Structures are given as structure tokens and as C-alpha cells.
């Protein structure tokens, strides 16, 4: 990863330098160095790509909570933005898959309870 790619990812992430530093577990000075072309360790490249390409709203929510996101907080966020998320095919596929898994677990639990 070169400085150009890093800067593009940082720009698309809509995060400030300190937010990106917190997310990536580095100092703000390290972010500055990477922006200016200092070598990024190869062990960090996939991690950087994965995390800077996430939805910036979710990242900001996570960063705003010192203990991370609670399930209730995340669920509220998803419910409020569900229509927008649903427009994205990969999100729909994950929701359908998760819903099927949950439904199967509930049905199996009910069957076991009725057999007792």
C-alpha cells in the first residue's frame, strides 16, 4: 500500500486523523507518516483496508463508545437506517441468512420443549 492508496481510503472513510489513529491502534503521528509516504508494515495493510472501508457512521458510533457498541445501541442504529442498508445486496443477503439461522434455532428449541 502506498501513500496514495492510504490517503484515498482515509478520505473515503470520512474519518479525521485522530479517529483513524484510534480505529487502527496507532498514533496520530503514524497516520501523518503514512499519509506522507512512510512505509506501512505489510502486516497492517489488510487490517487498514478492511477497517477504513467500513461505513463511517458505524465507525464513529463505535469510537464514541469507550466500551464499544452495545447490542442495543447497534440494533437501534440498524433499525433507524434499515431502509438504506436494505438497498445494499450484501447486507440483504446477510440479514436473510441470519434470520434463517435464528428462525431455525427457535423452531428447534420449540420442538425440543414440546417433546419434554
PDB file of N, CA and C in Angstrom:
ATOM      1  N   UNK A   1       0.858  -1.170   0.000  1.00  0.00           N
ATOM      2  CA  UNK A   1       0.000   0.000   0.000  1.00  0.00           C
ATOM      3  C   UNK A   1       0.903   1.233   0.000  1.00  0.00           C
ATOM      4  N   UNK A   2       0.623   2.115  -0.921  1.00  0.00           N
ATOM      5  CA  UNK A   2       1.402   3.349  -0.984  1.00  0.00           C
ATOM      6  C   UNK A   2       0.602   4.498  -0.358  1.00  0.00           C
ATOM      7  N   UNK A   3       1.214   5.655  -0.271  1.00  0.00           N
ATOM      8  CA  UNK A   3       0.575   6.815   0.353  1.00  0.00           C
ATOM      9  C   UNK A   3      -0.705   7.206  -0.380  1.00  0.00           C
ATOM     10  N   UNK A   4      -0.694   7.092  -1.707  1.00  0.00           N
ATOM     11  CA  UNK A   4      -1.879   7.475  -2.479  1.00  0.00           C
ATOM     12  C   UNK A   4      -3.078   6.608  -2.090  1.00  0.00           C
ATOM     13  N   UNK A   5      -2.879   5.287  -2.035  1.00  0.00           N
ATOM     14  CA  UNK A   5      -3.980   4.393  -1.661  1.00  0.00           C
ATOM     15  C   UNK A   5      -4.431   4.664  -0.231  1.00  0.00           C
ATOM     16  N   UNK A   6      -3.469   4.844   0.669  1.00  0.00           N
ATOM     17  CA  UNK A   6      -3.829   5.117   2.061  1.00  0.00           C
ATOM     18  C   UNK A   6      -4.648   6.403   2.163  1.00  0.00           C
ATOM     19  N   UNK A   7      -4.214   7.453   1.480  1.00  0.00           N
ATOM     20  CA  UNK A   7      -4.928   8.727   1.526  1.00  0.00           C
ATOM     21  C   UNK A   7      -6.323   8.617   0.929  1.00  0.00           C
ATOM     22  N   UNK A   8      -6.471   7.819  -0.125  1.00  0.00           N
ATOM     23  CA  UNK A   8      -7.794   7.614  -0.716  1.00  0.00           C
ATOM     24  C   UNK A   8      -8.716   6.894   0.263  1.00  0.00           C
ATOM     25  N   UNK A   9      -8.196   5.848   0.910  1.00  0.00           N
ATOM     26  CA  UNK A   9      -9.001   5.122   1.899  1.00  0.00           C
ATOM     27  C   UNK A   9      -9.378   6.031   3.069  1.00  0.00           C
ATOM     28  N   UNK A  10      -8.419   6.814   3.532  1.00  0.00           N
ATOM     29  CA  UNK A  10      -8.678   7.722   4.641  1.00  0.00           C
ATOM     30  C   UNK A  10      -9.731   8.753   4.259  1.00  0.00           C
ATOM     31  N   UNK A  11      -9.646   9.267   3.061  1.00  0.00           N
ATOM     32  CA  UNK A  11     -10.621  10.244   2.583  1.00  0.00           C
ATOM     33  C   UNK A  11     -12.015   9.626   2.466  1.00  0.00           C
ATOM     34  N   UNK A  12     -12.094   8.441   1.878  1.00  0.00           N
ATOM     35  CA  UNK A  12     -13.388   7.765   1.723  1.00  0.00           C
ATOM     36  C   UNK A  12     -14.000   7.402   3.067  1.00  0.00           C
ATOM     37  N   UNK A  13     -13.144   7.141   4.057  1.00  0.00           N
ATOM     38  CA  UNK A  13     -13.644   6.757   5.383  1.00  0.00           C
ATOM     39  C   UNK A  13     -14.319   7.923   6.096  1.00  0.00           C
ATOM     40  N   UNK A  14     -14.020   9.143   5.659  1.00  0.00           N
ATOM     41  CA  UNK A  14     -14.561  10.359   6.257  1.00  0.00           C
ATOM     42  C   UNK A  14     -14.152  10.524   7.719  1.00  0.00           C
ATOM     43  N   UNK A  15     -13.050   9.884   8.100  1.00  0.00           N
ATOM     44  CA  UNK A  15     -12.558   9.992   9.465  1.00  0.00           C
ATOM     45  C   UNK A  15     -11.464  11.042   9.548  1.00  0.00           C
ATOM     46  N   UNK A  16     -11.382  11.686  10.686  1.00  0.00           N
ATOM     47  CA  UNK A  16     -10.265  12.577  10.943  1.00  0.00           C
ATOM     48  C   UNK A  16      -9.039  11.738  11.286  1.00  0.00           C
ATOM     49  N   UNK A  17      -7.897  12.397  11.362  1.00  0.00           N
ATOM     50  CA  UNK A  17      -6.654  11.676  11.647  1.00  0.00           C
ATOM     51  C   UNK A  17      -6.682  10.990  13.008  1.00  0.00           C
ATOM     52  N   UNK A  18      -7.202  11.663  14.020  1.00  0.00           N
ATOM     53  CA  UNK A  18      -7.244  11.051  15.350  1.00  0.00           C
ATOM     54  C   UNK A  18      -8.213   9.878  15.377  1.00  0.00           C
ATOM     55  N   UNK A  19      -9.360  10.014  14.702  1.00  0.00           N
ATOM     56  CA  UNK A  19     -10.309   8.903  14.641  1.00  0.00           C
ATOM     57  C   UNK A  19      -9.679   7.692  13.955  1.00  0.00           C
ATOM     58  N   UNK A  20      -8.999   7.934  12.848  1.00  0.00           N
ATOM     59  CA  UNK A  20      -8.335   6.843  12.125  1.00  0.00           C
ATOM     60  C   UNK A  20      -7.253   6.207  12.990  1.00  0.00           C
ATOM     61  N   UNK A  21      -6.510   7.027  13.709  1.00  0.00           N
ATOM     62  CA  UNK A  21      -5.461   6.507  14.586  1.00  0.00           C
ATOM     63  C   UNK A  21      -6.055   5.607  15.667  1.00  0.00           C
ATOM     64  N   UNK A  22      -7.143   6.045  16.267  1.00  0.00           N
ATOM     65  CA  UNK A  22      -7.813   5.245  17.300  1.00  0.00           C
ATOM     66  C   UNK A  22      -8.318   3.935  16.716  1.00  0.00           C
ATOM     67  N   UNK A  23      -8.965   4.018  15.570  1.00  0.00           N
ATOM     68  CA  UNK A  23      -9.509   2.822  14.915  1.00  0.00           C
ATOM     69  C   UNK A  23      -8.414   1.824  14.576  1.00  0.00           C
ATOM     70  N   UNK A  24      -7.286   2.312  14.089  1.00  0.00           N
ATOM     71  CA  UNK A  24      -6.214   1.436  13.618  1.00  0.00           C
ATOM     72  C   UNK A  24      -5.205   1.085  14.716  1.00  0.00           C
ATOM     73  N   UNK A  25      -5.361   1.666  15.891  1.00  0.00           N
ATOM     74  CA  UNK A  25      -4.488   1.345  17.007  1.00  0.00           C
ATOM     75  C   UNK A  25      -3.077   1.877  16.858  1.00  0.00           C
ATOM     76  N   UNK A  26      -2.971   3.062  16.253  1.00  0.00           N
ATOM     77  CA  UNK A  26      -1.661   3.701  16.073  1.00  0.00           C
ATOM     78  C   UNK A  26      -1.769   5.151  16.542  1.00  0.00           C
ATOM     79  N   UNK A  27      -0.664   5.842  16.531  1.00  0.00           N
ATOM     80  CA  UNK A  27      -0.679   7.251  16.929  1.00  0.00           C
ATOM     81  C   UNK A  27      -1.071   8.136  15.744  1.00  0.00           C
ATOM     82  N   UNK A  28      -1.440   9.363  16.067  1.00  0.00           N
ATOM     83  CA  UNK A  28      -1.755  10.321  15.011  1.00  0.00           C
ATOM     84  C   UNK A  28      -0.507  10.609  14.169  1.00  0.00           C
ATOM     85  N   UNK A  29       0.653  10.594  14.806  1.00  0.00           N
ATOM     86  CA  UNK A  29       1.912  10.808  14.075  1.00  0.00           C
ATOM     87  C   UNK A  29       2.130   9.701  13.042  1.00  0.00           C
ATOM     88  N   UNK A  30       1.748   8.478  13.392  1.00  0.00           N
ATOM     89  CA  UNK A  30       1.878   7.367  12.440  1.00  0.00           C
ATOM     90  C   UNK A  30       0.976   7.597  11.237  1.00  0.00           C
ATOM     91  N   UNK A  31      -0.237   8.074  11.482  1.00  0.00           N
ATOM     92  CA  UNK A  31      -1.154   8.393  10.381  1.00  0.00           C
ATOM     93  C   UNK A  31      -0.515   9.448   9.486  1.00  0.00           C
ATOM     94  N   UNK A  32       0.060  10.486  10.082  1.00  0.00           N
ATOM     95  CA  UNK A  32       0.742  11.523   9.304  1.00  0.00           C
ATOM     96  C   UNK A  32       1.873  10.929   8.469  1.00  0.00           C
ATOM     97  N   UNK A  33       2.654  10.044   9.084  1.00  0.00           N
ATOM     98  CA  UNK A  33       3.761   9.410   8.361  1.00  0.00           C
ATOM     99  C   UNK A  33       3.249   8.606   7.165  1.00  0.00           C
ATOM    100  N   UNK A  34       2.191   7.843   7.374  1.00  0.00           N
ATOM    101  CA  UNK A  34       1.642   7.027   6.275  1.00  0.00           C
ATOM    102  C   UNK A  34       1.078   7.915   5.173  1.00  0.00           C
ATOM    103  N   UNK A  35       0.453   9.022   5.552  1.00  0.00           N
ATOM    104  CA  UNK A  35      -0.067   9.954   4.554  1.00  0.00           C
ATOM    105  C   UNK A  35       1.056  10.532   3.702  1.00  0.00           C
ATOM    106  N   UNK A  36       2.208  10.712   4.319  1.00  0.00           N
ATOM    107  CA  UNK A  36       3.343  11.333   3.638  1.00  0.00           C
ATOM    108  C   UNK A  36       4.300  10.332   3.005  1.00  0.00           C
ATOM    109  N   UNK A  37       3.903   9.062   2.939  1.00  0.00           N
ATOM    110  CA  UNK A  37       4.684   8.095   2.194  1.00  0.00           C
ATOM    111  C   UNK A  37       5.587   7.176   2.974  1.00  0.00           C
ATOM    112  N   UNK A  38       5.597   7.279   4.305  1.00  0.00           N
ATOM    113  CA  UNK A  38       6.407   6.345   5.079  1.00  0.00           C
ATOM    114  C   UNK A  38       5.818   4.952   4.919  1.00  0.00           C
ATOM    115  N   UNK A  39       6.686   3.948   4.845  1.00  0.00           N
ATOM    116  CA  UNK A  39       6.234   2.574   4.624  1.00  0.00           C
ATOM    117  C   UNK A  39       5.254   2.110   5.691  1.00  0.00           C
ATOM    118  N   UNK A  40       4.196   1.457   5.213  1.00  0.00           N
ATOM    119  CA  UNK A  40       3.208   0.855   6.099  1.00  0.00           C
ATOM    120  C   UNK A  40       3.606  -0.609   6.258  1.00  0.00           C
ATOM    121  N   UNK A  41       3.693  -1.100   7.491  1.00  0.00           N
ATOM    122  CA  UNK A  41       4.065  -2.501   7.677  1.00  0.00           C
ATOM    123  C   UNK A  41       3.111  -3.431   6.927  1.00  0.00           C
ATOM    124  N   UNK A  42       3.656  -4.418   6.262  1.00  0.00           N
ATOM    125  CA  UNK A  42       2.829  -5.329   5.467  1.00  0.00           C
ATOM    126  C   UNK A  42       1.790  -6.039   6.322  1.00  0.00           C
ATOM    127  N   UNK A  43       2.097  -6.226   7.596  1.00  0.00           N
ATOM    128  CA  UNK A  43       1.149  -6.893   8.492  1.00  0.00           C
ATOM    129  C   UNK A  43      -0.074  -6.034   8.792  1.00  0.00           C
ATOM    130  N   UNK A  44      -0.017  -4.738   8.515  1.00  0.00           N
ATOM    131  CA  UNK A  44      -1.132  -3.828   8.799  1.00  0.00           C
ATOM    132  C   UNK A  44      -2.004  -3.545   7.579  1.00  0.00           C
ATOM    133  N   UNK A  45      -1.524  -3.869   6.394  1.00  0.00           N
ATOM    134  CA  UNK A  45      -2.208  -3.435   5.169  1.00  0.00           C
ATOM    135  C   UNK A  45      -3.635  -3.970   5.074  1.00  0.00           C
ATOM    136  N   UNK A  46      -3.831  -5.269   5.237  1.00  0.00           N
ATOM    137  CA  UNK A  46      -5.184  -5.827   5.154  1.00  0.00           C
ATOM    138  C   UNK A  46      -6.087  -5.255   6.233  1.00  0.00           C
ATOM    139  N   UNK A  47      -5.548  -5.091   7.432  1.00  0.00           N
ATOM    140  CA  UNK A  47      -6.302  -4.520   8.541  1.00  0.00           C
ATOM    141  C   UNK A  47      -6.757  -3.096   8.214  1.00  0.00           C
ATOM    142  N   UNK A  48      -5.861  -2.312   7.645  1.00  0.00           N
ATOM    143  CA  UNK A  48      -6.179  -0.929   7.265  1.00  0.00           C
ATOM    144  C   UNK A  48      -7.265  -0.916   6.196  1.00  0.00           C
ATOM    145  N   UNK A  49      -7.081  -1.713   5.156  1.00  0.00           N
ATOM    146  CA  UNK A  49      -8.088  -1.749   4.078  1.00  0.00           C
ATOM    147  C   UNK A  49      -9.457  -2.149   4.609  1.00  0.00           C
ATOM    148  N   UNK A  50      -9.481  -3.167   5.430  1.00  0.00           N
ATOM    149  CA  UNK A  50     -10.754  -3.670   5.969  1.00  0.00           C
ATOM    150  C   UNK A  50     -11.447  -2.611   6.824  1.00  0.00           C
ATOM    151  N   UNK A  51     -10.703  -1.982   7.712  1.00  0.00           N
ATOM    152  CA  UNK A  51     -11.327  -1.062   8.656  1.00  0.00           C
ATOM    153  C   UNK A  51     -11.634   0.309   8.083  1.00  0.00           C
ATOM    154  N   UNK A  52     -10.814   0.811   7.196  1.00  0.00           N
ATOM    155  CA  UNK A  52     -11.102   2.127   6.619  1.00  0.00           C
ATOM    156  C   UNK A  52     -12.195   2.063   5.557  1.00  0.00           C
ATOM    157  N   UNK A  53     -12.561   0.865   5.124  1.00  0.00           N
ATOM    158  CA  UNK A  53     -13.618   0.754   4.118  1.00  0.00           C
ATOM    159  C   UNK A  53     -14.997   0.508   4.737  1.00  0.00           C
ATOM    160  N   UNK A  54     -15.071   0.440   6.066  1.00  0.00           N
ATOM    161  CA  UNK A  54     -16.359   0.263   6.741  1.00  0.00           C
ATOM    162  C   UNK A  54     -17.172   1.550   6.673  1.00  0.00           C
ATOM    163  N   UNK A  55     -18.457   1.412   6.896  1.00  0.00           N
ATOM    164  CA  UNK A  55     -19.361   2.555   6.906  1.00  0.00           C
ATOM    165  C   UNK A  55     -18.903   3.538   7.993  1.00  0.00           C
ATOM    166  N   UNK A  56     -18.566   4.776   7.621  1.00  0.00           N
ATOM    167  CA  UNK A  56     -18.048   5.730   8.610  1.00  0.00           C
ATOM    168  C   UNK A  56     -19.013   6.017   9.750  1.00  0.00           C
ATOM    169  N   UNK A  57     -20.306   5.894   9.499  1.00  0.00           N
ATOM    170  CA  UNK A  57     -21.273   6.139  10.577  1.00  0.00           C
ATOM    171  C   UNK A  57     -21.120   5.089  11.677  1.00  0.00           C
ATOM    172  N   UNK A  58     -20.921   3.843  11.278  1.00  0.00           N
ATOM    173  CA  UNK A  58     -20.754   2.778  12.260  1.00  0.00           C
ATOM    174  C   UNK A  58     -19.440   2.960  13.012  1.00  0.00           C
ATOM    175  N   UNK A  59     -18.393   3.335  12.288  1.00  0.00           N
ATOM    176  CA  UNK A  59     -17.097   3.556  12.932  1.00  0.00           C
ATOM    177  C   UNK A  59     -17.208   4.669  13.967  1.00  0.00           C
ATOM    178  N   UNK A  60     -17.869   5.753  13.603  1.00  0.00           N
ATOM    179  CA  UNK A  60     -17.998   6.875  14.544  1.00  0.00           C
ATOM    180  C   UNK A  60     -18.816   6.483  15.768  1.00  0.00           C
ATOM    181  N   UNK A  61     -19.858   5.683  15.545  1.00  0.00           N
ATOM    182  CA  UNK A  61     -20.641   5.214  16.687  1.00  0.00           C
ATOM    183  C   UNK A  61     -19.775   4.376  17.617  1.00  0.00           C
ATOM    184  N   UNK A  62     -18.989   3.493  17.035  1.00  0.00           N
ATOM    185  CA  UNK A  62     -18.112   2.646  17.838  1.00  0.00           C
ATOM    186  C   UNK A  62     -17.082   3.482  18.580  1.00  0.00           C
ATOM    187  N   UNK A  63     -16.482   4.438  17.883  1.00  0.00           N
ATOM    188  CA  UNK A  63     -15.466   5.280  18.511  1.00  0.00           C
ATOM    189  C   UNK A  63     -16.047   6.154  19.614  1.00  0.00           C
ATOM    190  N   UNK A  64     -17.321   6.487  19.500  1.00  0.00           N
ATOM    191  CA  UNK A  64     -17.943   7.352  20.505  1.00  0.00           C
ATOM    192  C   UNK A  64     -18.229   6.616  21.807  1.00  0.00           C
ATOM    193  N   UNK A  65     -18.183   5.316  21.775  1.00  0.00           N
ATOM    194  CA  UNK A  65     -18.439   4.500  22.961  1.00  0.00           C
ATOM    195  C   UNK A  65     -17.125   3.934  23.456  1.00  0.00           C
ATOM    196  N   UNK A  66     -16.705   4.319  24.627  1.00  0.00           N
ATOM    197  CA  UNK A  66     -15.403   3.863  25.124  1.00  0.00           C
ATOM    198  C   UNK A  66     -15.369   2.354  25.286  1.00  0.00           C
ATOM    199  N   UNK A  67     -16.505   1.740  25.597  1.00  0.00           N
ATOM    200  CA  UNK A  67     -16.532   0.296  25.768  1.00  0.00           C
ATOM    201  C   UNK A  67     -16.951  -0.422  24.486  1.00  0.00           C
ATOM    202  N   UNK A  68     -17.090   0.316  23.401  1.00  0.00           N
ATOM    203  CA  UNK A  68     -17.543  -0.286  22.147  1.00  0.00           C
ATOM    204  C   UNK A  68     -19.050  -0.208  22.053  1.00  0.00           C
ATOM    205  N   UNK A  69     -19.588  -0.772  21.025  1.00  0.00           N
ATOM    206  CA  UNK A  69     -21.025  -0.719  20.806  1.00  0.00           C
ATOM    207  C   UNK A  69     -21.749  -1.773  21.615  1.00  0.00           C
ATOM    208  N   UNK A  70     -22.815  -1.367  22.274  1.00  0.00           N
ATOM    209  CA  UNK A  70     -23.669  -2.356  22.919  1.00  0.00           C
ATOM    210  C   UNK A  70     -24.607  -2.908  21.852  1.00  0.00           C
ATOM    211  N   UNK A  71     -25.145  -4.069  22.103  1.00  0.00           N
ATOM    212  CA  UNK A  71     -26.081  -4.673  21.161  1.00  0.00           C
ATOM    213  C   UNK A  71     -27.297  -3.775  20.977  1.00  0.00           C
ATOM    214  N   UNK A  72     -27.817  -3.234  22.073  1.00  0.00           N
ATOM    215  CA  UNK A  72     -28.997  -2.363  21.987  1.00  0.00           C
ATOM    216  C   UNK A  72     -28.719  -1.117  21.157  1.00  0.00           C
ATOM    217  N   UNK A  73     -27.544  -0.523  21.352  1.00  0.00           N
ATOM    218  CA  UNK A  73     -27.189   0.681  20.612  1.00  0.00           C
ATOM    219  C   UNK A  73     -27.055   0.375  19.127  1.00  0.00           C
ATOM    220  N   UNK A  74     -26.394  -0.726  18.810  1.00  0.00           N
ATOM    221  CA  UNK A  74     -26.213  -1.119  17.416  1.00  0.00           C
ATOM    222  C   UNK A  74     -27.550  -1.472  16.773  1.00  0.00           C
ATOM    223  N   UNK A  75     -28.385  -2.185  17.488  1.00  0.00           N
ATOM    224  CA  UNK A  75     -29.703  -2.551  16.967  1.00  0.00           C
ATOM    225  C   UNK A  75     -30.520  -1.299  16.654  1.00  0.00           C
ATOM    226  N   UNK A  76     -30.494  -0.330  17.550  1.00  0.00           N
ATOM    227  CA  UNK A  76     -31.205   0.930  17.313  1.00  0.00           C
ATOM    228  C   UNK A  76     -30.690   1.613  16.050  1.00  0.00           C
ATOM    229  N   UNK A  77     -29.366   1.628  15.869  1.00  0.00           N
ATOM    230  CA  UNK A  77     -28.767   2.229  14.684  1.00  0.00           C
ATOM    231  C   UNK A  77     -29.229   1.514  13.412  1.00  0.00           C
ATOM    232  N   UNK A  78     -29.221   0.190  13.431  1.00  0.00           N
ATOM    233  CA  UNK A  78     -29.628  -0.585  12.255  1.00  0.00           C
ATOM    234  C   UNK A  78     -31.103  -0.346  11.950  1.00  0.00           C
ATOM    235  N   UNK A  79     -31.938  -0.336  12.974  1.00  0.00           N
ATOM    236  CA  UNK A  79     -33.371  -0.111  12.762  1.00  0.00           C
ATOM    237  C   UNK A  79     -33.610   1.264  12.143  1.00  0.00           C
ATOM    238  N   UNK A  80     -32.921   2.284  12.649  1.00  0.00           N
ATOM    239  CA  UNK A  80     -33.101   3.642  12.120  1.00  0.00           C
ATOM    240  C   UNK A  80     -32.619   3.776  10.674  1.00  0.00           C
ATOM    241  N   UNK A  81     -31.643   2.963  10.276  1.00  0.00           N
ATOM    242  CA  UNK A  81     -31.068   3.067   8.934  1.00  0.00           C
ATOM    243  C   UNK A  81     -31.366   1.851   8.068  1.00  0.00           C
ATOM    244  N   UNK A  82     -32.360   1.060   8.462  1.00  0.00           N
ATOM    245  CA  UNK A  82     -32.597  -0.224   7.810  1.00  0.00           C
ATOM    246  C   UNK A  82     -32.902  -0.098   6.319  1.00  0.00           C
ATOM    247  N   UNK A  83     -33.728   0.856   5.946  1.00  0.00           N
ATOM    248  CA  UNK A  83     -34.084   1.003   4.533  1.00  0.00           C
ATOM    249  C   UNK A  83     -32.851   1.247   3.668  1.00  0.00           C
ATOM    250  N   UNK A  84     -31.960   2.100   4.150  1.00  0.00           N
ATOM    251  CA  UNK A  84     -30.739   2.379   3.392  1.00  0.00           C
ATOM    252  C   UNK A  84     -29.855   1.136   3.310  1.00  0.00           C
ATOM    253  N   UNK A  85     -29.716   0.424   4.430  1.00  0.00           N
ATOM    254  CA  UNK A  85     -28.903  -0.793   4.429  1.00  0.00           C
ATOM    255  C   UNK A  85     -29.505  -1.857   3.519  1.00  0.00           C
ATOM    256  N   UNK A  86     -30.827  -1.942   3.526  1.00  0.00           N
ATOM    257  CA  UNK A  86     -31.506  -2.970   2.753  1.00  0.00           C
ATOM    258  C   UNK A  86     -31.282  -2.796   1.250  1.00  0.00           C
ATOM    259  N   UNK A  87     -30.984  -1.572   0.819  1.00  0.00           N
ATOM    260  CA  UNK A  87     -30.704  -1.333  -0.594  1.00  0.00           C
ATOM    261  C   UNK A  87     -29.397  -1.999  -1.037  1.00  0.00           C
ATOM    262  N   UNK A  88     -28.544  -2.333  -0.103  1.00  0.00           N
ATOM    263  CA  UNK A  88     -27.257  -2.948  -0.419  1.00  0.00           C
ATOM    264  C   UNK A  88     -27.414  -4.464  -0.414  1.00  0.00           C
ATOM    265  N   UNK A  89     -27.115  -5.115  -1.527  1.00  0.00           N
ATOM    266  CA  UNK A  89     -27.328  -6.550  -1.682  1.00  0.00           C
ATOM    267  C   UNK A  89     -26.610  -7.373  -0.629  1.00  0.00           C
ATOM    268  N   UNK A  90     -25.348  -7.054  -0.331  1.00  0.00           N
ATOM    269  CA  UNK A  90     -24.611  -7.872   0.629  1.00  0.00           C
ATOM    270  C   UNK A  90     -25.243  -7.809   2.015  1.00  0.00           C
ATOM    271  N   UNK A  91     -25.797  -6.650   2.369  1.00  0.00           N
ATOM    272  CA  UNK A  91     -26.474  -6.537   3.664  1.00  0.00           C
ATOM    273  C   UNK A  91     -27.745  -7.382   3.665  1.00  0.00           C
ATOM    274  N   UNK A  92     -28.519  -7.314   2.574  1.00  0.00           N
ATOM    275  CA  UNK A  92     -29.732  -8.127   2.481  1.00  0.00           C
ATOM    276  C   UNK A  92     -29.412  -9.602   2.625  1.00  0.00           C
ATOM    277  N   UNK A  93     -28.382 -10.042   1.930  1.00  0.00           N
ATOM    278  CA  UNK A  93     -28.014 -11.454   1.992  1.00  0.00           C
ATOM    279  C   UNK A  93     -27.652 -11.866   3.412  1.00  0.00           C
ATOM    280  N   UNK A  94     -26.907 -11.020   4.105  1.00  0.00           N
ATOM    281  CA  UNK A  94     -26.514 -11.333   5.480  1.00  0.00           C
ATOM    282  C   UNK A  94     -27.728 -11.352   6.405  1.00  0.00           C
ATOM    283  N   UNK A  95     -28.638 -10.397   6.223  1.00  0.00           N
ATOM    284  CA  UNK A  95     -29.842 -10.348   7.057  1.00  0.00           C
ATOM    285  C   UNK A  95     -30.690 -11.595   6.827  1.00  0.00           C
ATOM    286  N   UNK A  96     -30.904 -11.955   5.573  1.00  0.00           N
ATOM    287  CA  UNK A  96     -31.714 -13.136   5.280  1.00  0.00           C
ATOM    288  C   UNK A  96     -31.070 -14.390   5.861  1.00  0.00           C
ATOM    289  N   UNK A  97     -29.768 -14.509   5.709  1.00  0.00           N
ATOM    290  CA  UNK A  97     -29.051 -15.671   6.228  1.00  0.00           C
ATOM    291  C   UNK A  97     -29.160 -15.734   7.746  1.00  0.00           C
ATOM    292  N   UNK A  98     -28.955 -14.607   8.397  1.00  0.00           N
ATOM    293  CA  UNK A  98     -29.035 -14.565   9.858  1.00  0.00           C
ATOM    294  C   UNK A  98     -30.455 -14.839  10.332  1.00  0.00           C
ATOM    295  N   UNK A  99     -31.439 -14.285   9.637  1.00  0.00           N
ATOM    296  CA  UNK A  99     -32.835 -14.510  10.013  1.00  0.00           C
ATOM    297  C   UNK A  99     -33.195 -15.991   9.873  1.00  0.00           C
ATOM    298  N   UNK A 100     -32.717 -16.627   8.823  1.00  0.00           N
ATOM    299  CA  UNK A 100     -32.977 -18.053   8.628  1.00  0.00           C
ATOM    300  C   UNK A 100     -32.347 -18.860   9.757  1.00  0.00           C
ATOM    301  N   UNK A 101     -31.119 -18.526  10.102  1.00  0.00           N
ATOM    302  CA  UNK A 101     -30.417 -19.234  11.178  1.00  0.00           C
ATOM    303  C   UNK A 101     -31.157 -19.066  12.498  1.00  0.00           C
ATOM    304  N   UNK A 102     -31.577 -17.849  12.796  1.00  0.00           N
ATOM    305  CA  UNK A 102     -32.293 -17.594  14.040  1.00  0.00           C
ATOM    306  C   UNK A 102     -33.632 -18.321  14.059  1.00  0.00           C
ATOM    307  N   UNK A 103     -34.346 -18.296  12.951  1.00  0.00           N
ATOM    308  CA  UNK A 103     -35.635 -18.983  12.877  1.00  0.00           C
ATOM    309  C   UNK A 103     -35.454 -20.479  13.088  1.00  0.00           C
ATOM    310  N   UNK A 104     -34.426 -21.041  12.483  1.00  0.00           N
ATOM    311  CA  UNK A 104     -34.155 -22.470  12.642  1.00  0.00           C
ATOM    312  C   UNK A 104     -33.867 -22.805  14.103  1.00  0.00           C
ATOM    313  N   UNK A 105     -33.075 -21.986  14.769  1.00  0.00           N
ATOM    314  CA  UNK A 105     -32.757 -22.212  16.184  1.00  0.00           C
ATOM    315  C   UNK A 105     -34.013 -22.139  17.048  1.00  0.00           C
ATOM    316  N   UNK A 106     -34.865 -21.170  16.783  1.00  0.00           N
ATOM    317  CA  UNK A 106     -36.101 -21.021  17.557  1.00  0.00           C
ATOM    318  C   UNK A 106     -37.011 -22.223  17.348  1.00  0.00           C
ATOM    319  N   UNK A 107     -37.150 -22.642  16.099  1.00  0.00           N
ATOM    320  CA  UNK A 107     -38.002 -23.803  15.802  1.00  0.00           C
ATOM    321  C   UNK A 107     -37.468 -25.044  16.498  1.00  0.00           C
ATOM    322  N   UNK A 108     -36.158 -25.273  16.401  1.00  0.00           N
ATOM    323  CA  UNK A 108     -35.568 -26.448  17.050  1.00  0.00           C
ATOM    324  C   UNK A 108     -35.761 -26.408  18.559  1.00  0.00           C
ATOM    325  N   UNK A 109     -35.631 -25.233  19.148  1.00  0.00           N
ATOM    326  CA  UNK A 109     -35.835 -25.087  20.591  1.00  0.00           C
ATOM    327  C   UNK A 109     -37.278 -25.405  20.956  1.00  0.00           C
ATOM    328  N   UNK A 110     -38.228 -24.911  20.177  1.00  0.00           N
ATOM    329  CA  UNK A 110     -39.647 -25.173  20.447  1.00  0.00           C
ATOM    330  C   UNK A 110     -39.972 -26.659  20.298  1.00  0.00           C
ATOM    331  N   UNK A 111     -39.369 -27.302  19.308  1.00  0.00           N
ATOM    332  CA  UNK A 111     -39.592 -28.742  19.119  1.00  0.00           C
ATOM    333  C   UNK A 111     -39.084 -29.516  20.339  1.00  0.00           C
ATOM    334  N   UNK A 112     -37.893 -29.181  20.799  1.00  0.00           N
ATOM    335  CA  UNK A 112     -37.323 -29.866  21.976  1.00  0.00           C
ATOM    336  C   UNK A 112     -38.188 -29.628  23.205  1.00  0.00           C
ATOM    337  N   UNK A 113     -38.706 -28.424  23.380  1.00  0.00           N
ATOM    338  CA  UNK A 113     -39.555 -28.111  24.528  1.00  0.00           C
ATOM    339  C   UNK A 113     -40.857 -28.902  24.470  1.00  0.00           C
ATOM    340  N   UNK A 114     -41.389 -29.081  23.270  1.00  0.00           N
ATOM    341  CA  UNK A 114     -42.669 -29.800  23.138  1.00  0.00           C
ATOM    342  C   UNK A 114     -42.497 -31.303  23.332  1.00  0.00           C
ATOM    343  N   UNK A 115     -41.280 -31.811  23.130  1.00  0.00           N
ATOM    344  CA  UNK A 115     -41.017 -33.239  23.295  1.00  0.00           C
ATOM    345  C   UNK A 115     -40.869 -33.629  24.752  1.00  0.00           C
ATOM    346  N   UNK A 116     -40.687 -32.648  25.632  1.00  0.00           N
ATOM    347  CA  UNK A 116     -40.492 -32.945  27.065  1.00  0.00           C
ATOM    348  C   UNK A 116     -41.767 -33.300  27.743  1.00  0.00           C
TER     349      UNK A 116
END
